[in-house]
Amino acid sequence: MSRAESGDASNQGAASQIKDKVSEVASNVRDMGSQAYDAATEKYENVKDAAAEYYQAGRDKAMEWESQIETYVRERPIKSLLMAAGVGVVLGMIWKRL
């Protein structure tokens, strides 16, 4: 075997090792990207679920307040009307100064 042939064989061996390493690194990068995507997707779903729960709780509370105000106005219509007029006057004076 000549020196040129042994040099070619060692170059092919080195090239094969480099190819294997590149393939391994590419596989690791794909795995890490997949894991990051999965983690981000899970976090997004958790935040989305929490936001939906807060929205529903706020909506329920607003509906409860609406019902309470409606009941109060039905029970005390004159007092409610006077309170609304008073709030309107105060807001009108504040807006007039702005």
PDB file of N, CA and C in Angstrom:
ATOM      1  N   MET A   1       0.835  -1.163   0.000  1.00  0.00           N
ATOM      2  CA  MET A   1       0.000   0.000   0.000  1.00  0.00           C
ATOM      3  C   MET A   1       0.893   1.244   0.000  1.00  0.00           C
ATOM      4  N   SER A   2       0.578   2.190  -0.841  1.00  0.00           N
ATOM      5  CA  SER A   2       1.409   3.380  -0.939  1.00  0.00           C
ATOM      6  C   SER A   2       0.944   4.427   0.057  1.00  0.00           C
ATOM      7  N   ARG A   3       1.773   5.451   0.197  1.00  0.00           N
ATOM      8  CA  ARG A   3       1.418   6.529   1.130  1.00  0.00           C
ATOM      9  C   ARG A   3       0.151   7.242   0.693  1.00  0.00           C
ATOM     10  N   ALA A   4      -0.054   7.443  -0.570  1.00  0.00           N
ATOM     11  CA  ALA A   4      -1.238   8.135  -1.092  1.00  0.00           C
ATOM     12  C   ALA A   4      -2.494   7.349  -0.758  1.00  0.00           C
ATOM     13  N   GLU A   5      -2.404   6.040  -0.882  1.00  0.00           N
ATOM     14  CA  GLU A   5      -3.571   5.214  -0.584  1.00  0.00           C
ATOM     15  C   GLU A   5      -3.882   5.229   0.905  1.00  0.00           C
ATOM     16  N   SER A   6      -2.853   5.213   1.763  1.00  0.00           N
ATOM     17  CA  SER A   6      -3.110   5.246   3.201  1.00  0.00           C
ATOM     18  C   SER A   6      -3.617   6.620   3.620  1.00  0.00           C
ATOM     19  N   GLY A   7      -3.162   7.687   2.949  1.00  0.00           N
ATOM     20  CA  GLY A   7      -3.662   9.038   3.231  1.00  0.00           C
ATOM     21  C   GLY A   7      -5.120   9.160   2.858  1.00  0.00           C
ATOM     22  N   ASP A   8      -5.501   8.595   1.728  1.00  0.00           N
ATOM     23  CA  ASP A   8      -6.897   8.633   1.301  1.00  0.00           C
ATOM     24  C   ASP A   8      -7.781   7.856   2.270  1.00  0.00           C
ATOM     25  N   ALA A   9      -7.306   6.754   2.742  1.00  0.00           N
ATOM     26  CA  ALA A   9      -8.070   5.933   3.681  1.00  0.00           C
ATOM     27  C   ALA A   9      -8.269   6.679   4.995  1.00  0.00           C
ATOM     28  N   SER A  10      -7.230   7.357   5.490  1.00  0.00           N
ATOM     29  CA  SER A  10      -7.372   8.085   6.749  1.00  0.00           C
ATOM     30  C   SER A  10      -8.264   9.316   6.553  1.00  0.00           C
ATOM     31  N   ASN A  11      -8.196   9.949   5.378  1.00  0.00           N
ATOM     32  CA  ASN A  11      -9.075  11.088   5.089  1.00  0.00           C
ATOM     33  C   ASN A  11     -10.529  10.642   5.023  1.00  0.00           C
ATOM     34  N   GLN A  12     -10.767   9.487   4.437  1.00  0.00           N
ATOM     35  CA  GLN A  12     -12.124   8.968   4.357  1.00  0.00           C
ATOM     36  C   GLN A  12     -12.644   8.626   5.751  1.00  0.00           C
ATOM     37  N   GLY A  13     -11.754   8.084   6.592  1.00  0.00           N
ATOM     38  CA  GLY A  13     -12.149   7.760   7.966  1.00  0.00           C
ATOM     39  C   GLY A  13     -12.487   9.021   8.746  1.00  0.00           C
ATOM     40  N   ALA A  14     -11.669  10.074   8.578  1.00  0.00           N
ATOM     41  CA  ALA A  14     -11.922  11.352   9.261  1.00  0.00           C
ATOM     42  C   ALA A  14     -13.203  11.984   8.738  1.00  0.00           C
ATOM     43  N   ALA A  15     -13.403  11.939   7.432  1.00  0.00           N
ATOM     44  CA  ALA A  15     -14.611  12.508   6.842  1.00  0.00           C
ATOM     45  C   ALA A  15     -15.848  11.770   7.339  1.00  0.00           C
ATOM     46  N   SER A  16     -15.729  10.466   7.472  1.00  0.00           N
ATOM     47  CA  SER A  16     -16.850   9.665   7.966  1.00  0.00           C
ATOM     48  C   SER A  16     -17.160  10.027   9.422  1.00  0.00           C
ATOM     49  N   GLN A  17     -16.112  10.229  10.226  1.00  0.00           N
ATOM     50  CA  GLN A  17     -16.322  10.614  11.626  1.00  0.00           C
ATOM     51  C   GLN A  17     -16.981  11.991  11.714  1.00  0.00           C
ATOM     52  N   ILE A  18     -16.527  12.918  10.875  1.00  0.00           N
ATOM     53  CA  ILE A  18     -17.105  14.264  10.880  1.00  0.00           C
ATOM     54  C   ILE A  18     -18.571  14.201  10.460  1.00  0.00           C
ATOM     55  N   LYS A  19     -18.861  13.397   9.436  1.00  0.00           N
ATOM     56  CA  LYS A  19     -20.248  13.232   8.989  1.00  0.00           C
ATOM     57  C   LYS A  19     -21.120  12.694  10.113  1.00  0.00           C
ATOM     58  N   ASP A  20     -20.595  11.704  10.829  1.00  0.00           N
ATOM     59  CA  ASP A  20     -21.336  11.113  11.938  1.00  0.00           C
ATOM     60  C   ASP A  20     -21.591  12.151  13.030  1.00  0.00           C
ATOM     61  N   LYS A  21     -20.573  12.949  13.350  1.00  0.00           N
ATOM     62  CA  LYS A  21     -20.717  13.979  14.392  1.00  0.00           C
ATOM     63  C   LYS A  21     -21.738  15.030  13.973  1.00  0.00           C
ATOM     64  N   VAL A  22     -21.662  15.465  12.706  1.00  0.00           N
ATOM     65  CA  VAL A  22     -22.615  16.456  12.205  1.00  0.00           C
ATOM     66  C   VAL A  22     -24.030  15.898  12.266  1.00  0.00           C
ATOM     67  N   SER A  23     -24.186  14.663  11.888  1.00  0.00           N
ATOM     68  CA  SER A  23     -25.492  14.028  11.934  1.00  0.00           C
ATOM     69  C   SER A  23     -26.004  13.950  13.372  1.00  0.00           C
ATOM     70  N   GLU A  24     -25.132  13.626  14.298  1.00  0.00           N
ATOM     71  CA  GLU A  24     -25.497  13.532  15.711  1.00  0.00           C
ATOM     72  C   GLU A  24     -25.883  14.905  16.258  1.00  0.00           C
ATOM     73  N   VAL A  25     -25.108  15.936  15.918  1.00  0.00           N
ATOM     74  CA  VAL A  25     -25.404  17.293  16.381  1.00  0.00           C
ATOM     75  C   VAL A  25     -26.746  17.759  15.795  1.00  0.00           C
ATOM     76  N   ALA A  26     -26.974  17.492  14.515  1.00  0.00           N
ATOM     77  CA  ALA A  26     -28.230  17.881  13.881  1.00  0.00           C
ATOM     78  C   ALA A  26     -29.409  17.191  14.563  1.00  0.00           C
ATOM     79  N   SER A  27     -29.244  15.940  14.897  1.00  0.00           N
ATOM     80  CA  SER A  27     -30.299  15.202  15.581  1.00  0.00           C
ATOM     81  C   SER A  27     -30.566  15.804  16.965  1.00  0.00           C
ATOM     82  N   ASN A  28     -29.493  16.155  17.679  1.00  0.00           N
ATOM     83  CA  ASN A  28     -29.639  16.771  19.005  1.00  0.00           C
ATOM     84  C   ASN A  28     -30.346  18.119  18.908  1.00  0.00           C
ATOM     85  N   VAL A  29     -29.993  18.906  17.898  1.00  0.00           N
ATOM     86  CA  VAL A  29     -30.633  20.211  17.716  1.00  0.00           C
ATOM     87  C   VAL A  29     -32.119  20.032  17.415  1.00  0.00           C
ATOM     88  N   ARG A  30     -32.457  19.066  16.565  1.00  0.00           N
ATOM     89  CA  ARG A  30     -33.873  18.798  16.271  1.00  0.00           C
ATOM     90  C   ARG A  30     -34.617  18.383  17.537  1.00  0.00           C
ATOM     91  N   ASP A  31     -33.992  17.525  18.343  1.00  0.00           N
ATOM     92  CA  ASP A  31     -34.624  17.083  19.585  1.00  0.00           C
ATOM     93  C   ASP A  31     -34.842  18.259  20.536  1.00  0.00           C
ATOM     94  N   MET A  32     -33.834  19.110  20.662  1.00  0.00           N
ATOM     95  CA  MET A  32     -33.961  20.272  21.550  1.00  0.00           C
ATOM     96  C   MET A  32     -35.029  21.221  21.037  1.00  0.00           C
ATOM     97  N   GLY A  33     -35.102  21.418  19.733  1.00  0.00           N
ATOM     98  CA  GLY A  33     -36.147  22.270  19.163  1.00  0.00           C
ATOM     99  C   GLY A  33     -37.527  21.702  19.412  1.00  0.00           C
ATOM    100  N   SER A  34     -37.641  20.399  19.275  1.00  0.00           N
ATOM    101  CA  SER A  34     -38.918  19.740  19.526  1.00  0.00           C
ATOM    102  C   SER A  34     -39.323  19.877  20.994  1.00  0.00           C
ATOM    103  N   GLN A  35     -38.366  19.717  21.891  1.00  0.00           N
ATOM    104  CA  GLN A  35     -38.648  19.866  23.316  1.00  0.00           C
ATOM    105  C   GLN A  35     -39.052  21.299  23.651  1.00  0.00           C
ATOM    106  N   ALA A  36     -38.365  22.275  23.065  1.00  0.00           N
ATOM    107  CA  ALA A  36     -38.700  23.682  23.300  1.00  0.00           C
ATOM    108  C   ALA A  36     -40.103  23.987  22.782  1.00  0.00           C
ATOM    109  N   TYR A  37     -40.426  23.457  21.609  1.00  0.00           N
ATOM    110  CA  TYR A  37     -41.762  23.660  21.044  1.00  0.00           C
ATOM    111  C   TYR A  37     -42.829  23.053  21.950  1.00  0.00           C
ATOM    112  N   ASP A  38     -42.579  21.836  22.426  1.00  0.00           N
ATOM    113  CA  ASP A  38     -43.544  21.179  23.313  1.00  0.00           C
ATOM    114  C   ASP A  38     -43.737  21.965  24.607  1.00  0.00           C
ATOM    115  N   ALA A  39     -42.630  22.456  25.179  1.00  0.00           N
ATOM    116  CA  ALA A  39     -42.712  23.230  26.416  1.00  0.00           C
ATOM    117  C   ALA A  39     -43.479  24.536  26.185  1.00  0.00           C
ATOM    118  N   ALA A  40     -43.196  25.199  25.078  1.00  0.00           N
ATOM    119  CA  ALA A  40     -43.894  26.451  24.772  1.00  0.00           C
ATOM    120  C   ALA A  40     -45.381  26.204  24.537  1.00  0.00           C
ATOM    121  N   THR A  41     -45.700  25.137  23.851  1.00  0.00           N
ATOM    122  CA  THR A  41     -47.100  24.804  23.597  1.00  0.00           C
ATOM    123  C   THR A  41     -47.830  24.512  24.894  1.00  0.00           C
ATOM    124  N   GLU A  42     -47.193  23.773  25.783  1.00  0.00           N
ATOM    125  CA  GLU A  42     -47.803  23.461  27.076  1.00  0.00           C
ATOM    126  C   GLU A  42     -48.014  24.734  27.894  1.00  0.00           C
ATOM    127  N   LYS A  43     -47.024  25.621  27.910  1.00  0.00           N
ATOM    128  CA  LYS A  43     -47.128  26.873  28.660  1.00  0.00           C
ATOM    129  C   LYS A  43     -48.255  27.731  28.080  1.00  0.00           C
ATOM    130  N   TYR A  44     -48.348  27.787  26.759  1.00  0.00           N
ATOM    131  CA  TYR A  44     -49.410  28.548  26.097  1.00  0.00           C
ATOM    132  C   TYR A  44     -50.780  28.017  26.501  1.00  0.00           C
ATOM    133  N   GLU A  45     -50.928  26.709  26.492  1.00  0.00           N
ATOM    134  CA  GLU A  45     -52.218  26.107  26.865  1.00  0.00           C
ATOM    135  C   GLU A  45     -52.568  26.434  28.317  1.00  0.00           C
ATOM    136  N   ASN A  46     -51.577  26.386  29.206  1.00  0.00           N
ATOM    137  CA  ASN A  46     -51.822  26.707  30.614  1.00  0.00           C
ATOM    138  C   ASN A  46     -52.271  28.154  30.778  1.00  0.00           C
ATOM    139  N   VAL A  47     -51.585  29.070  30.089  1.00  0.00           N
ATOM    140  CA  VAL A  47     -51.938  30.490  30.174  1.00  0.00           C
ATOM    141  C   VAL A  47     -53.323  30.723  29.575  1.00  0.00           C
ATOM    142  N   LYS A  48     -53.599  30.059  28.462  1.00  0.00           N
ATOM    143  CA  LYS A  48     -54.908  30.207  27.815  1.00  0.00           C
ATOM    144  C   LYS A  48     -56.022  29.720  28.739  1.00  0.00           C
ATOM    145  N   ASP A  49     -55.805  28.589  29.387  1.00  0.00           N
ATOM    146  CA  ASP A  49     -56.812  28.054  30.312  1.00  0.00           C
ATOM    147  C   ASP A  49     -57.022  28.988  31.500  1.00  0.00           C
ATOM    148  N   ALA A  50     -55.926  29.513  32.056  1.00  0.00           N
ATOM    149  CA  ALA A  50     -56.032  30.430  33.193  1.00  0.00           C
ATOM    150  C   ALA A  50     -56.766  31.700  32.789  1.00  0.00           C
ATOM    151  N   ALA A  51     -56.467  32.222  31.615  1.00  0.00           N
ATOM    152  CA  ALA A  51     -57.145  33.435  31.133  1.00  0.00           C
ATOM    153  C   ALA A  51     -58.636  33.176  30.942  1.00  0.00           C
ATOM    154  N   ALA A  52     -58.978  32.026  30.427  1.00  0.00           N
ATOM    155  CA  ALA A  52     -60.391  31.685  30.237  1.00  0.00           C
ATOM    156  C   ALA A  52     -61.111  31.587  31.578  1.00  0.00           C
ATOM    157  N   GLU A  53     -60.430  31.033  32.571  1.00  0.00           N
ATOM    158  CA  GLU A  53     -61.031  30.929  33.907  1.00  0.00           C
ATOM    159  C   GLU A  53     -61.243  32.314  34.513  1.00  0.00           C
ATOM    160  N   TYR A  54     -60.231  33.192  34.397  1.00  0.00           N
ATOM    161  CA  TYR A  54     -60.363  34.557  34.930  1.00  0.00           C
ATOM    162  C   TYR A  54     -61.469  35.318  34.201  1.00  0.00           C
ATOM    163  N   TYR A  55     -61.544  35.153  32.893  1.00  0.00           N
ATOM    164  CA  TYR A  55     -62.587  35.814  32.124  1.00  0.00           C
ATOM    165  C   TYR A  55     -63.963  35.358  32.591  1.00  0.00           C
ATOM    166  N   GLN A  56     -64.135  34.062  32.760  1.00  0.00           N
ATOM    167  CA  GLN A  56     -65.433  33.530  33.184  1.00  0.00           C
ATOM    168  C   GLN A  56     -65.769  34.001  34.595  1.00  0.00           C
ATOM    169  N   ALA A  57     -64.777  34.031  35.486  1.00  0.00           N
ATOM    170  CA  ALA A  57     -65.022  34.501  36.853  1.00  0.00           C
ATOM    171  C   ALA A  57     -65.438  35.968  36.839  1.00  0.00           C
ATOM    172  N   GLY A  58     -64.773  36.785  36.037  1.00  0.00           N
ATOM    173  CA  GLY A  58     -65.125  38.199  35.925  1.00  0.00           C
ATOM    174  C   GLY A  58     -66.518  38.382  35.345  1.00  0.00           C
ATOM    175  N   ARG A  59     -66.818  37.590  34.349  1.00  0.00           N
ATOM    176  CA  ARG A  59     -68.143  37.656  33.729  1.00  0.00           C
ATOM    177  C   ARG A  59     -69.229  37.272  34.729  1.00  0.00           C
ATOM    178  N   ASP A  60     -68.986  36.210  35.496  1.00  0.00           N
ATOM    179  CA  ASP A  60     -69.960  35.786  36.503  1.00  0.00           C
ATOM    180  C   ASP A  60     -70.158  36.866  37.561  1.00  0.00           C
ATOM    181  N   LYS A  61     -69.053  37.493  37.978  1.00  0.00           N
ATOM    182  CA  LYS A  61     -69.139  38.546  38.994  1.00  0.00           C
ATOM    183  C   LYS A  61     -69.923  39.742  38.455  1.00  0.00           C
ATOM    184  N   ALA A  62     -69.685  40.126  37.212  1.00  0.00           N
ATOM    185  CA  ALA A  62     -70.408  41.249  36.604  1.00  0.00           C
ATOM    186  C   ALA A  62     -71.899  40.940  36.509  1.00  0.00           C
ATOM    187  N   MET A  63     -72.227  39.723  36.144  1.00  0.00           N
ATOM    188  CA  MET A  63     -73.644  39.341  36.058  1.00  0.00           C
ATOM    189  C   MET A  63     -74.295  39.360  37.441  1.00  0.00           C
ATOM    190  N   GLU A  64     -73.522  38.953  38.442  1.00  0.00           N
ATOM    191  CA  GLU A  64     -74.032  38.980  39.822  1.00  0.00           C
ATOM    192  C   GLU A  64     -74.297  40.420  40.254  1.00  0.00           C
ATOM    193  N   TRP A  65     -73.352  41.331  39.960  1.00  0.00           N
ATOM    194  CA  TRP A  65     -73.539  42.754  40.305  1.00  0.00           C
ATOM    195  C   TRP A  65     -74.744  43.337  39.577  1.00  0.00           C
ATOM    196  N   GLU A  66     -74.886  42.979  38.312  1.00  0.00           N
ATOM    197  CA  GLU A  66     -76.025  43.474  37.539  1.00  0.00           C
ATOM    198  C   GLU A  66     -77.339  43.032  38.189  1.00  0.00           C
ATOM    199  N   SER A  67     -77.388  41.797  38.598  1.00  0.00           N
ATOM    200  CA  SER A  67     -78.597  41.280  39.241  1.00  0.00           C
ATOM    201  C   SER A  67     -78.865  42.002  40.561  1.00  0.00           C
ATOM    202  N   GLN A  68     -77.796  42.240  41.333  1.00  0.00           N
ATOM    203  CA  GLN A  68     -77.960  42.934  42.615  1.00  0.00           C
ATOM    204  C   GLN A  68     -78.433  44.370  42.403  1.00  0.00           C
ATOM    205  N   ILE A  69     -77.877  45.044  41.417  1.00  0.00           N
ATOM    206  CA  ILE A  69     -78.287  46.427  41.140  1.00  0.00           C
ATOM    207  C   ILE A  69     -79.733  46.457  40.660  1.00  0.00           C
ATOM    208  N   GLU A  70     -80.076  45.529  39.823  1.00  0.00           N
ATOM    209  CA  GLU A  70     -81.450  45.454  39.322  1.00  0.00           C
ATOM    210  C   GLU A  70     -82.434  45.247  40.477  1.00  0.00           C
ATOM    211  N   THR A  71     -82.090  44.364  41.382  1.00  0.00           N
ATOM    212  CA  THR A  71     -82.947  44.104  42.544  1.00  0.00           C
ATOM    213  C   THR A  71     -83.063  45.356  43.409  1.00  0.00           C
ATOM    214  N   TYR A  72     -81.927  46.040  43.632  1.00  0.00           N
ATOM    215  CA  TYR A  72     -81.921  47.251  44.452  1.00  0.00           C
ATOM    216  C   TYR A  72     -82.800  48.327  43.828  1.00  0.00           C
ATOM    217  N   VAL A  73     -82.704  48.498  42.502  1.00  0.00           N
ATOM    218  CA  VAL A  73     -83.496  49.524  41.813  1.00  0.00           C
ATOM    219  C   VAL A  73     -84.977  49.177  41.884  1.00  0.00           C
ATOM    220  N   ARG A  74     -85.315  47.919  41.774  1.00  0.00           N
ATOM    221  CA  ARG A  74     -86.722  47.516  41.862  1.00  0.00           C
ATOM    222  C   ARG A  74     -87.277  47.733  43.273  1.00  0.00           C
ATOM    223  N   GLU A  75     -86.435  47.520  44.287  1.00  0.00           N
ATOM    224  CA  GLU A  75     -86.899  47.668  45.671  1.00  0.00           C
ATOM    225  C   GLU A  75     -86.959  49.141  46.101  1.00  0.00           C
ATOM    226  N   ARG A  76     -86.042  49.959  45.608  1.00  0.00           N
ATOM    227  CA  ARG A  76     -85.957  51.361  46.018  1.00  0.00           C
ATOM    228  C   ARG A  76     -85.796  52.260  44.787  1.00  0.00           C
ATOM    229  N   PRO A  77     -86.835  52.424  44.000  1.00  0.00           N
ATOM    230  CA  PRO A  77     -86.698  53.173  42.742  1.00  0.00           C
ATOM    231  C   PRO A  77     -86.373  54.661  42.932  1.00  0.00           C
ATOM    232  N   ILE A  78     -87.002  55.326  43.882  1.00  0.00           N
ATOM    233  CA  ILE A  78     -86.769  56.763  44.061  1.00  0.00           C
ATOM    234  C   ILE A  78     -85.350  57.007  44.566  1.00  0.00           C
ATOM    235  N   LYS A  79     -84.929  56.229  45.546  1.00  0.00           N
ATOM    236  CA  LYS A  79     -83.576  56.382  46.077  1.00  0.00           C
ATOM    237  C   LYS A  79     -82.538  56.104  44.978  1.00  0.00           C
ATOM    238  N   SER A  80     -82.794  55.108  44.158  1.00  0.00           N
ATOM    239  CA  SER A  80     -81.882  54.774  43.059  1.00  0.00           C
ATOM    240  C   SER A  80     -81.806  55.908  42.055  1.00  0.00           C
ATOM    241  N   LEU A  81     -82.957  56.503  41.722  1.00  0.00           N
ATOM    242  CA  LEU A  81     -83.000  57.603  40.774  1.00  0.00           C
ATOM    243  C   LEU A  81     -82.231  58.810  41.314  1.00  0.00           C
ATOM    244  N   LEU A  82     -82.406  59.123  42.598  1.00  0.00           N
ATOM    245  CA  LEU A  82     -81.697  60.252  43.195  1.00  0.00           C
ATOM    246  C   LEU A  82     -80.185  60.003  43.235  1.00  0.00           C
ATOM    247  N   MET A  83     -79.792  58.763  43.520  1.00  0.00           N
ATOM    248  CA  MET A  83     -78.363  58.434  43.528  1.00  0.00           C
ATOM    249  C   MET A  83     -77.773  58.568  42.122  1.00  0.00           C
ATOM    250  N   ALA A  84     -78.485  58.106  41.128  1.00  0.00           N
ATOM    251  CA  ALA A  84     -78.011  58.197  39.748  1.00  0.00           C
ATOM    252  C   ALA A  84     -77.896  59.655  39.322  1.00  0.00           C
ATOM    253  N   ALA A  85     -78.860  60.479  39.706  1.00  0.00           N
ATOM    254  CA  ALA A  85     -78.813  61.902  39.374  1.00  0.00           C
ATOM    255  C   ALA A  85     -77.623  62.563  40.062  1.00  0.00           C
ATOM    256  N   GLY A  86     -77.386  62.216  41.311  1.00  0.00           N
ATOM    257  CA  GLY A  86     -76.240  62.777  42.051  1.00  0.00           C
ATOM    258  C   GLY A  86     -74.922  62.400  41.392  1.00  0.00           C
ATOM    259  N   VAL A  87     -74.784  61.161  40.994  1.00  0.00           N
ATOM    260  CA  VAL A  87     -73.561  60.720  40.316  1.00  0.00           C
ATOM    261  C   VAL A  87     -73.412  61.466  38.997  1.00  0.00           C
ATOM    262  N   GLY A  88     -74.506  61.661  38.283  1.00  0.00           N
ATOM    263  CA  GLY A  88     -74.466  62.397  37.018  1.00  0.00           C
ATOM    264  C   GLY A  88     -74.025  63.831  37.205  1.00  0.00           C
ATOM    265  N   VAL A  89     -74.522  64.487  38.258  1.00  0.00           N
ATOM    266  CA  VAL A  89     -74.132  65.867  38.538  1.00  0.00           C
ATOM    267  C   VAL A  89     -72.643  65.938  38.857  1.00  0.00           C
ATOM    268  N   VAL A  90     -72.164  65.041  39.700  1.00  0.00           N
ATOM    269  CA  VAL A  90     -70.743  65.035  40.065  1.00  0.00           C
ATOM    270  C   VAL A  90     -69.876  64.794  38.830  1.00  0.00           C
ATOM    271  N   LEU A  91     -70.218  63.826  38.023  1.00  0.00           N
ATOM    272  CA  LEU A  91     -69.438  63.552  36.809  1.00  0.00           C
ATOM    273  C   LEU A  91     -69.491  64.733  35.846  1.00  0.00           C
ATOM    274  N   GLY A  92     -70.649  65.382  35.737  1.00  0.00           N
ATOM    275  CA  GLY A  92     -70.780  66.563  34.880  1.00  0.00           C
ATOM    276  C   GLY A  92     -69.876  67.690  35.335  1.00  0.00           C
ATOM    277  N   MET A  93     -69.794  67.914  36.650  1.00  0.00           N
ATOM    278  CA  MET A  93     -68.912  68.973  37.174  1.00  0.00           C
ATOM    279  C   MET A  93     -67.446  68.634  36.931  1.00  0.00           C
ATOM    280  N   ILE A  94     -67.098  67.364  37.062  1.00  0.00           N
ATOM    281  CA  ILE A  94     -65.705  66.950  36.825  1.00  0.00           C
ATOM    282  C   ILE A  94     -65.349  67.127  35.357  1.00  0.00           C
ATOM    283  N   TRP A  95     -66.212  66.714  34.462  1.00  0.00           N
ATOM    284  CA  TRP A  95     -65.936  66.826  33.027  1.00  0.00           C
ATOM    285  C   TRP A  95     -65.910  68.274  32.573  1.00  0.00           C
ATOM    286  N   LYS A  96     -66.728  69.114  33.220  1.00  0.00           N
ATOM    287  CA  LYS A  96     -66.777  70.530  32.862  1.00  0.00           C
ATOM    288  C   LYS A  96     -65.426  71.200  33.177  1.00  0.00           C
ATOM    289  N   ARG A  97     -64.788  70.773  34.248  1.00  0.00           N
ATOM    290  CA  ARG A  97     -63.497  71.362  34.652  1.00  0.00           C
ATOM    291  C   ARG A  97     -62.364  70.873  33.757  1.00  0.00           C
ATOM    292  N   LEU A  98     -62.522  69.738  33.154  1.00  0.00           N
ATOM    293  CA  LEU A  98     -61.465  69.216  32.276  1.00  0.00           C
ATOM    294  C   LEU A  98     -61.550  69.929  30.991  1.00  0.00           C
TER     295      LEU A  98
END
